[in-house]
Amino acid sequence: MRGILLFAHGSRDPEWAKPFDRLLATTRNTHPELPLSLAYLEKMQPDFFQGAEYLVQAQCTTITILPLFLARGGHLKHDLNHLQHEAEERWPNINWITAACIGDSTFMQAAMVNWIHTHS
């Protein structure tokens, strides 16, 4: 079974997480069959390993990490690579896949162009 781990940066401000909480809730409501969890790199819970543990407990054999970042900077190049490596050691029977960040998605690029156009 494939699970999805939504991975966001995190913030000290709890208001910052609201769009991610809505994304998680909406996706769960529209795709209840999809094992899905949300995790943060820093300053918020659940952290990466708590989010992954949820999917491991749901008996996922493949976990795809979807970075909710607009660009592939140091956090994705270094921090996420380190976290994934540790997860591979912790759960060696899980197939770990990291997708490109959401900002690289053609769907997101199109959405941003539309958003910009609505403000012109």
Protein backbone atom coordinates (compact mmCIF):
# COMPACT_ATOMS: atom_id res chain seq x y z
CA MET A 1 0.00 0.00 0.00
CA ARG A 2 1.24 3.49 -0.89
CA GLY A 3 1.10 6.33 1.63
CA ILE A 4 1.74 10.03 1.20
CA LEU A 5 3.76 12.15 3.63
CA LEU A 6 3.13 15.85 3.12
CA PHE A 7 6.27 17.63 4.31
CA ALA A 8 6.27 21.34 5.18
CA HIS A 9 8.76 23.69 6.80
CA GLY A 10 7.07 24.66 10.06
CA SER A 11 6.89 27.93 11.98
CA ARG A 12 6.62 29.32 15.49
CA ASP A 13 3.31 30.91 14.47
CA PRO A 14 0.44 28.39 14.71
CA GLU A 15 -1.54 30.40 12.14
CA TRP A 16 1.10 29.48 9.54
CA ALA A 17 -0.02 25.82 9.63
CA LYS A 18 -3.69 26.48 8.83
CA PRO A 19 -3.38 26.10 5.03
CA PHE A 20 -1.56 22.80 5.52
CA ASP A 21 -4.18 21.58 7.99
CA ARG A 22 -6.88 22.45 5.42
CA LEU A 23 -4.94 20.66 2.68
CA LEU A 24 -4.68 17.55 4.83
CA ALA A 25 -8.37 17.64 5.82
CA THR A 26 -9.59 18.30 2.28
CA THR A 27 -7.45 15.53 0.82
CA ARG A 28 -8.58 13.07 3.47
CA ASN A 29 -12.22 14.00 2.82
CA THR A 30 -11.95 13.66 -0.95
CA HIS A 31 -9.69 10.58 -0.90
CA PRO A 32 -10.45 8.69 2.33
CA GLU A 33 -8.81 5.54 0.95
CA LEU A 34 -5.42 7.27 0.70
CA PRO A 35 -3.11 6.89 3.71
CA LEU A 36 -1.93 10.45 4.26
CA SER A 37 -0.06 12.32 6.95
CA LEU A 38 1.47 15.74 7.42
CA ALA A 39 4.84 16.46 8.99
CA TYR A 40 7.00 19.49 9.63
CA LEU A 41 10.73 20.00 9.41
CA GLU A 42 10.93 22.22 12.49
CA LYS A 43 9.07 24.08 15.22
CA MET A 44 5.79 22.16 14.78
CA GLN A 45 4.33 18.75 15.38
CA PRO A 46 4.09 16.18 14.01
CA ASP A 47 7.72 16.02 13.01
CA PHE A 48 9.00 13.96 10.08
CA PHE A 49 9.29 10.72 12.06
CA GLN A 50 5.89 11.07 13.72
CA GLY A 51 4.30 11.62 10.31
CA ALA A 52 6.17 8.64 8.88
CA GLU A 53 5.25 6.45 11.86
CA TYR A 54 1.56 7.12 11.19
CA LEU A 55 1.98 5.70 7.66
CA VAL A 56 4.10 2.77 8.84
CA GLN A 57 1.37 1.90 11.36
CA ALA A 58 -1.15 2.08 8.49
CA GLN A 59 0.91 -0.73 6.89
CA CYS A 60 2.19 1.32 3.97
CA THR A 61 4.97 -0.41 2.09
CA THR A 62 5.80 2.62 -0.05
CA ILE A 63 5.84 6.16 1.32
CA THR A 64 6.06 9.09 -1.06
CA ILE A 65 7.29 12.31 0.50
CA LEU A 66 5.68 15.36 -1.09
CA PRO A 67 7.67 18.48 -0.14
CA LEU A 68 5.34 21.45 0.22
CA PHE A 69 8.13 23.91 -0.58
CA LEU A 70 8.16 26.39 -3.46
CA ALA A 71 11.81 25.78 -4.29
CA ARG A 72 14.48 23.15 -3.71
CA GLY A 73 16.83 24.87 -1.28
CA GLY A 74 19.02 23.67 1.54
CA HIS A 75 16.19 22.17 3.57
CA LEU A 76 15.31 19.80 0.75
CA LYS A 77 18.84 19.21 -0.51
CA HIS A 78 20.30 18.50 2.92
CA ASP A 79 17.79 18.24 5.77
CA LEU A 80 15.22 16.13 3.95
CA ASN A 81 17.92 13.87 2.50
CA HIS A 82 19.24 13.28 6.02
CA LEU A 83 15.74 12.58 7.39
CA GLN A 84 14.95 10.18 4.55
CA HIS A 85 18.23 8.32 5.06
CA GLU A 86 17.46 7.94 8.76
CA ALA A 87 13.93 6.74 7.93
CA GLU A 88 15.37 4.15 5.52
CA GLU A 89 17.56 2.84 8.34
CA ARG A 90 14.69 2.89 10.86
CA TRP A 91 12.20 1.21 8.50
CA PRO A 92 14.27 -0.77 5.96
CA ASN A 93 11.23 -2.62 4.57
CA ILE A 94 9.61 0.61 3.39
CA ASN A 95 10.22 1.93 -0.13
CA TRP A 96 10.88 5.68 0.27
CA ILE A 97 10.29 8.03 -2.66
CA THR A 98 10.79 11.79 -2.59
CA ALA A 99 8.89 13.78 -5.20
CA ALA A 100 9.98 17.15 -6.56
CA CYS A 101 8.87 20.10 -4.46
CA ILE A 102 5.41 21.45 -5.14
CA GLY A 103 6.85 24.67 -6.59
CA ASP A 104 8.38 22.66 -9.44
CA SER A 105 5.01 21.16 -10.38
CA THR A 106 3.55 22.36 -13.67
CA PHE A 107 0.15 22.37 -11.95
CA MET A 108 1.43 24.73 -9.24
CA GLN A 109 3.20 26.93 -11.77
CA ALA A 110 -0.08 27.24 -13.71
CA ALA A 111 -1.99 28.01 -10.52
CA MET A 112 0.51 30.72 -9.60
CA VAL A 113 0.26 32.26 -13.08
CA ASN A 114 -3.55 32.30 -12.72
CA TRP A 115 -3.27 33.82 -9.25
CA ILE A 116 -0.92 36.54 -10.55
CA HIS A 117 -3.31 37.22 -13.45
CA THR A 118 -6.27 37.68 -11.08
CA HIS A 119 -4.31 40.43 -9.33
CA SER A 120 -3.33 42.35 -12.45
